[in-house]
């Protein structure tokens, strides 16, 4: 199947966002949101994302690509786990 699909999870933002973006598939579980994902875009600093098990996440993702908009993770650690890793505002 071709196209772009957005799967999202956010413990605080989903109730407000669902009405504005009904075309997004929302998940309570982060690992369900990452199932077969080509990339993970991290946009919030919630504790659930700080403690995400990236070894587990990498096993369910189609491509191990993380774009970290909050600099939550260490680039070296993510690369050691086999991820393509990009973050913003770092030297």
N, C-alpha and C. Protein backbone atom coordinates (compact mmCIF):
# COMPACT_ATOMS: atom_id res chain seq x y z
N UNK A 1 0.84 -1.18 0.00
CA UNK A 1 0.00 0.00 0.00
C UNK A 1 0.89 1.24 0.00
N UNK A 2 0.64 2.14 -0.92
CA UNK A 2 1.42 3.37 -0.99
C UNK A 2 0.70 4.49 -0.27
N UNK A 3 1.46 5.45 0.15
CA UNK A 3 0.88 6.60 0.82
C UNK A 3 1.57 6.88 2.12
N UNK A 4 1.08 7.87 2.79
CA UNK A 4 1.64 8.27 4.07
C UNK A 4 0.55 8.17 5.12
N UNK A 5 0.93 7.55 6.21
CA UNK A 5 -0.01 7.38 7.30
C UNK A 5 0.66 7.86 8.57
N UNK A 6 -0.07 8.53 9.40
CA UNK A 6 0.46 9.03 10.67
C UNK A 6 -0.22 8.27 11.79
N UNK A 7 0.62 7.69 12.64
CA UNK A 7 0.16 7.03 13.85
C UNK A 7 0.77 7.82 15.00
N UNK A 8 -0.01 8.15 15.99
CA UNK A 8 0.47 9.03 17.05
C UNK A 8 0.07 8.52 18.43
N UNK A 9 0.86 8.95 19.39
CA UNK A 9 0.53 8.74 20.79
C UNK A 9 1.05 9.92 21.58
N UNK A 10 0.28 10.35 22.55
CA UNK A 10 0.68 11.44 23.43
C UNK A 10 -0.25 11.38 24.64
N UNK A 11 0.30 11.15 25.82
CA UNK A 11 -0.58 10.98 26.98
C UNK A 11 -1.42 12.20 27.32
N UNK A 12 -1.00 13.36 26.92
CA UNK A 12 -1.74 14.58 27.25
C UNK A 12 -2.45 15.19 26.05
N UNK A 13 -1.88 15.06 24.88
CA UNK A 13 -2.39 15.79 23.73
C UNK A 13 -3.47 15.12 22.91
N UNK A 14 -3.63 13.83 23.04
CA UNK A 14 -4.58 13.13 22.16
C UNK A 14 -6.02 13.61 22.29
N UNK A 15 -6.55 13.83 23.48
CA UNK A 15 -7.96 14.27 23.53
C UNK A 15 -8.23 15.56 22.75
N UNK A 16 -7.31 16.50 22.80
CA UNK A 16 -7.50 17.78 22.09
C UNK A 16 -7.20 17.64 20.60
N UNK A 17 -6.27 16.79 20.27
CA UNK A 17 -5.81 16.70 18.89
C UNK A 17 -6.74 15.89 17.99
N UNK A 18 -7.42 14.92 18.55
CA UNK A 18 -8.28 14.05 17.73
C UNK A 18 -9.30 14.84 16.93
N UNK A 19 -9.88 15.86 17.51
CA UNK A 19 -10.88 16.66 16.80
C UNK A 19 -10.26 17.47 15.67
N UNK A 20 -9.03 17.94 15.87
CA UNK A 20 -8.37 18.76 14.86
C UNK A 20 -7.75 17.93 13.73
N UNK A 21 -7.30 16.72 14.06
CA UNK A 21 -6.63 15.87 13.08
C UNK A 21 -7.25 14.47 13.08
N UNK A 22 -8.47 14.35 12.59
CA UNK A 22 -9.15 13.05 12.63
C UNK A 22 -8.52 12.00 11.71
N UNK A 23 -7.71 12.40 10.75
CA UNK A 23 -7.10 11.46 9.81
C UNK A 23 -5.92 10.70 10.43
N UNK A 24 -5.48 11.09 11.61
CA UNK A 24 -4.38 10.42 12.30
C UNK A 24 -4.92 9.21 13.05
N UNK A 25 -4.15 8.13 13.04
CA UNK A 25 -4.49 6.95 13.85
C UNK A 25 -3.83 7.12 15.21
N UNK A 26 -4.63 7.16 16.26
CA UNK A 26 -4.13 7.39 17.61
C UNK A 26 -4.04 6.08 18.38
N UNK A 27 -3.02 5.98 19.22
CA UNK A 27 -2.77 4.78 20.01
C UNK A 27 -2.45 5.17 21.44
N UNK A 28 -2.97 4.41 22.39
CA UNK A 28 -2.62 4.62 23.80
C UNK A 28 -1.20 4.11 24.07
N UNK A 29 -0.77 3.11 23.33
CA UNK A 29 0.51 2.46 23.53
C UNK A 29 1.53 2.92 22.48
N UNK A 30 2.67 3.41 22.92
CA UNK A 30 3.69 3.91 22.00
C UNK A 30 4.19 2.84 21.05
N UNK A 31 4.32 1.62 21.53
CA UNK A 31 4.83 0.54 20.68
C UNK A 31 3.83 0.18 19.58
N UNK A 32 2.55 0.32 19.85
CA UNK A 32 1.55 0.12 18.80
C UNK A 32 1.66 1.22 17.75
N UNK A 33 1.90 2.44 18.20
CA UNK A 33 2.06 3.56 17.26
C UNK A 33 3.29 3.36 16.37
N UNK A 34 4.31 2.68 16.89
CA UNK A 34 5.54 2.47 16.14
C UNK A 34 5.52 1.22 15.27
N UNK A 35 4.50 0.42 15.37
CA UNK A 35 4.41 -0.82 14.60
C UNK A 35 4.53 -0.53 13.10
N UNK A 36 5.53 -1.12 12.46
CA UNK A 36 5.79 -0.98 11.02
C UNK A 36 6.09 0.46 10.58
N UNK A 37 6.48 1.31 11.52
CA UNK A 37 6.77 2.71 11.20
C UNK A 37 8.08 2.85 10.44
N UNK A 38 8.09 3.78 9.51
CA UNK A 38 9.32 4.12 8.79
C UNK A 38 10.16 5.11 9.58
N UNK A 39 9.55 5.82 10.51
CA UNK A 39 10.27 6.80 11.33
C UNK A 39 9.46 7.11 12.58
N UNK A 40 10.19 7.52 13.61
CA UNK A 40 9.56 8.02 14.84
C UNK A 40 9.95 9.48 14.99
N UNK A 41 8.97 10.33 15.14
CA UNK A 41 9.20 11.75 15.36
C UNK A 41 8.80 12.06 16.80
N UNK A 42 9.78 12.47 17.60
CA UNK A 42 9.55 12.76 19.02
C UNK A 42 9.35 14.26 19.16
N UNK A 43 8.15 14.65 19.62
CA UNK A 43 7.79 16.07 19.69
C UNK A 43 7.50 16.55 21.11
N UNK A 44 7.45 15.64 22.07
CA UNK A 44 7.14 16.03 23.44
C UNK A 44 8.16 15.42 24.39
N UNK A 45 8.18 15.95 25.60
CA UNK A 45 9.16 15.50 26.60
C UNK A 45 8.54 14.67 27.71
N UNK A 46 7.36 14.11 27.48
CA UNK A 46 6.71 13.33 28.53
C UNK A 46 7.60 12.18 28.97
N UNK A 47 7.45 11.81 30.22
CA UNK A 47 8.27 10.75 30.81
C UNK A 47 8.16 9.43 30.05
N UNK A 48 6.99 9.13 29.52
CA UNK A 48 6.80 7.89 28.77
C UNK A 48 7.77 7.82 27.59
N UNK A 49 8.09 8.96 27.00
CA UNK A 49 9.02 8.98 25.87
C UNK A 49 10.47 8.96 26.34
N UNK A 50 10.73 9.57 27.47
CA UNK A 50 12.09 9.53 28.04
C UNK A 50 12.50 8.10 28.38
N UNK A 51 11.51 7.29 28.78
CA UNK A 51 11.80 5.93 29.23
C UNK A 51 11.47 4.86 28.19
N UNK A 52 11.22 5.27 26.98
CA UNK A 52 10.86 4.31 25.94
C UNK A 52 11.98 3.29 25.74
N UNK A 53 11.62 2.03 25.59
CA UNK A 53 12.58 0.96 25.35
C UNK A 53 12.85 0.90 23.85
N UNK A 54 13.92 1.53 23.42
CA UNK A 54 14.20 1.62 21.99
C UNK A 54 14.64 0.29 21.39
N UNK A 55 15.16 -0.61 22.21
CA UNK A 55 15.45 -1.96 21.70
C UNK A 55 14.14 -2.62 21.28
N UNK A 56 13.14 -2.53 22.12
CA UNK A 56 11.81 -3.08 21.82
C UNK A 56 11.18 -2.35 20.62
N UNK A 57 11.27 -1.02 20.63
CA UNK A 57 10.69 -0.23 19.54
C UNK A 57 11.33 -0.59 18.20
N UNK A 58 12.64 -0.75 18.20
CA UNK A 58 13.35 -1.08 16.96
C UNK A 58 12.91 -2.40 16.36
N UNK A 59 12.46 -3.33 17.20
CA UNK A 59 12.01 -4.63 16.71
C UNK A 59 10.67 -4.56 15.99
N UNK A 60 9.86 -3.55 16.28
CA UNK A 60 8.55 -3.45 15.63
C UNK A 60 8.53 -2.44 14.49
N UNK A 61 9.55 -1.60 14.41
CA UNK A 61 9.59 -0.58 13.36
C UNK A 61 10.07 -1.17 12.04
N UNK A 62 9.57 -0.64 10.93
CA UNK A 62 10.02 -1.07 9.61
C UNK A 62 11.42 -0.51 9.31
N UNK A 63 11.67 0.68 9.78
CA UNK A 63 12.97 1.34 9.59
C UNK A 63 13.33 1.98 10.91
N UNK A 64 14.55 1.80 11.34
CA UNK A 64 14.99 2.33 12.63
C UNK A 64 15.50 3.76 12.46
N UNK A 65 14.57 4.68 12.33
CA UNK A 65 14.87 6.09 12.13
C UNK A 65 14.14 6.90 13.20
N UNK A 66 14.90 7.71 13.95
CA UNK A 66 14.32 8.56 14.98
C UNK A 66 14.71 10.01 14.70
N UNK A 67 13.71 10.87 14.69
CA UNK A 67 13.92 12.31 14.57
C UNK A 67 13.46 12.89 15.90
N UNK A 68 14.42 13.36 16.65
CA UNK A 68 14.19 13.79 18.03
C UNK A 68 14.12 15.30 18.11
N UNK A 69 12.91 15.82 18.20
CA UNK A 69 12.71 17.26 18.27
C UNK A 69 12.92 17.85 19.65
N UNK A 70 13.21 17.02 20.63
CA UNK A 70 13.38 17.48 22.01
C UNK A 70 14.73 17.12 22.62
N UNK A 71 15.60 16.50 21.84
CA UNK A 71 16.92 16.10 22.33
C UNK A 71 16.83 15.24 23.59
N UNK A 72 15.93 14.28 23.57
CA UNK A 72 15.73 13.42 24.73
C UNK A 72 16.79 12.33 24.83
N UNK A 73 17.39 11.98 23.72
CA UNK A 73 18.27 10.82 23.69
C UNK A 73 19.68 11.21 23.29
N UNK A 74 20.61 10.37 23.65
CA UNK A 74 22.01 10.59 23.32
C UNK A 74 22.27 10.03 21.92
N UNK A 75 22.79 10.84 21.01
CA UNK A 75 23.01 10.36 19.65
C UNK A 75 23.84 9.08 19.59
N UNK A 76 24.90 9.01 20.35
CA UNK A 76 25.77 7.84 20.33
C UNK A 76 25.02 6.59 20.79
N UNK A 77 24.24 6.71 21.86
CA UNK A 77 23.49 5.56 22.37
C UNK A 77 22.47 5.07 21.35
N UNK A 78 21.80 5.99 20.68
CA UNK A 78 20.80 5.60 19.68
C UNK A 78 21.48 4.92 18.49
N UNK A 79 22.61 5.44 18.08
CA UNK A 79 23.33 4.82 16.95
C UNK A 79 23.86 3.45 17.33
N UNK A 80 24.28 3.29 18.58
CA UNK A 80 24.74 1.98 19.05
C UNK A 80 23.60 0.96 19.02
N UNK A 81 22.38 1.42 19.14
CA UNK A 81 21.21 0.53 19.07
C UNK A 81 20.80 0.27 17.62
N UNK A 82 21.53 0.87 16.68
CA UNK A 82 21.26 0.62 15.27
C UNK A 82 20.31 1.60 14.61
N UNK A 83 20.02 2.71 15.27
CA UNK A 83 19.10 3.70 14.72
C UNK A 83 19.82 4.76 13.91
N UNK A 84 19.17 5.20 12.84
CA UNK A 84 19.52 6.48 12.23
C UNK A 84 18.92 7.49 13.20
N UNK A 85 19.68 8.46 13.63
CA UNK A 85 19.20 9.37 14.67
C UNK A 85 19.54 10.80 14.30
N UNK A 86 18.53 11.65 14.35
CA UNK A 86 18.70 13.06 14.05
C UNK A 86 18.03 13.87 15.16
N UNK A 87 18.68 14.93 15.59
CA UNK A 87 18.11 15.80 16.59
C UNK A 87 18.34 17.25 16.16
N UNK A 88 17.69 18.16 16.87
CA UNK A 88 17.75 19.57 16.49
C UNK A 88 18.55 20.37 17.51
N UNK A 89 19.33 21.32 17.03
CA UNK A 89 19.99 22.28 17.91
C UNK A 89 21.20 21.78 18.66
N UNK A 90 21.76 20.68 18.24
CA UNK A 90 22.97 20.17 18.89
C UNK A 90 24.17 20.53 18.03
N UNK A 91 25.30 20.68 18.69
CA UNK A 91 26.55 20.95 17.96
C UNK A 91 27.10 19.66 17.40
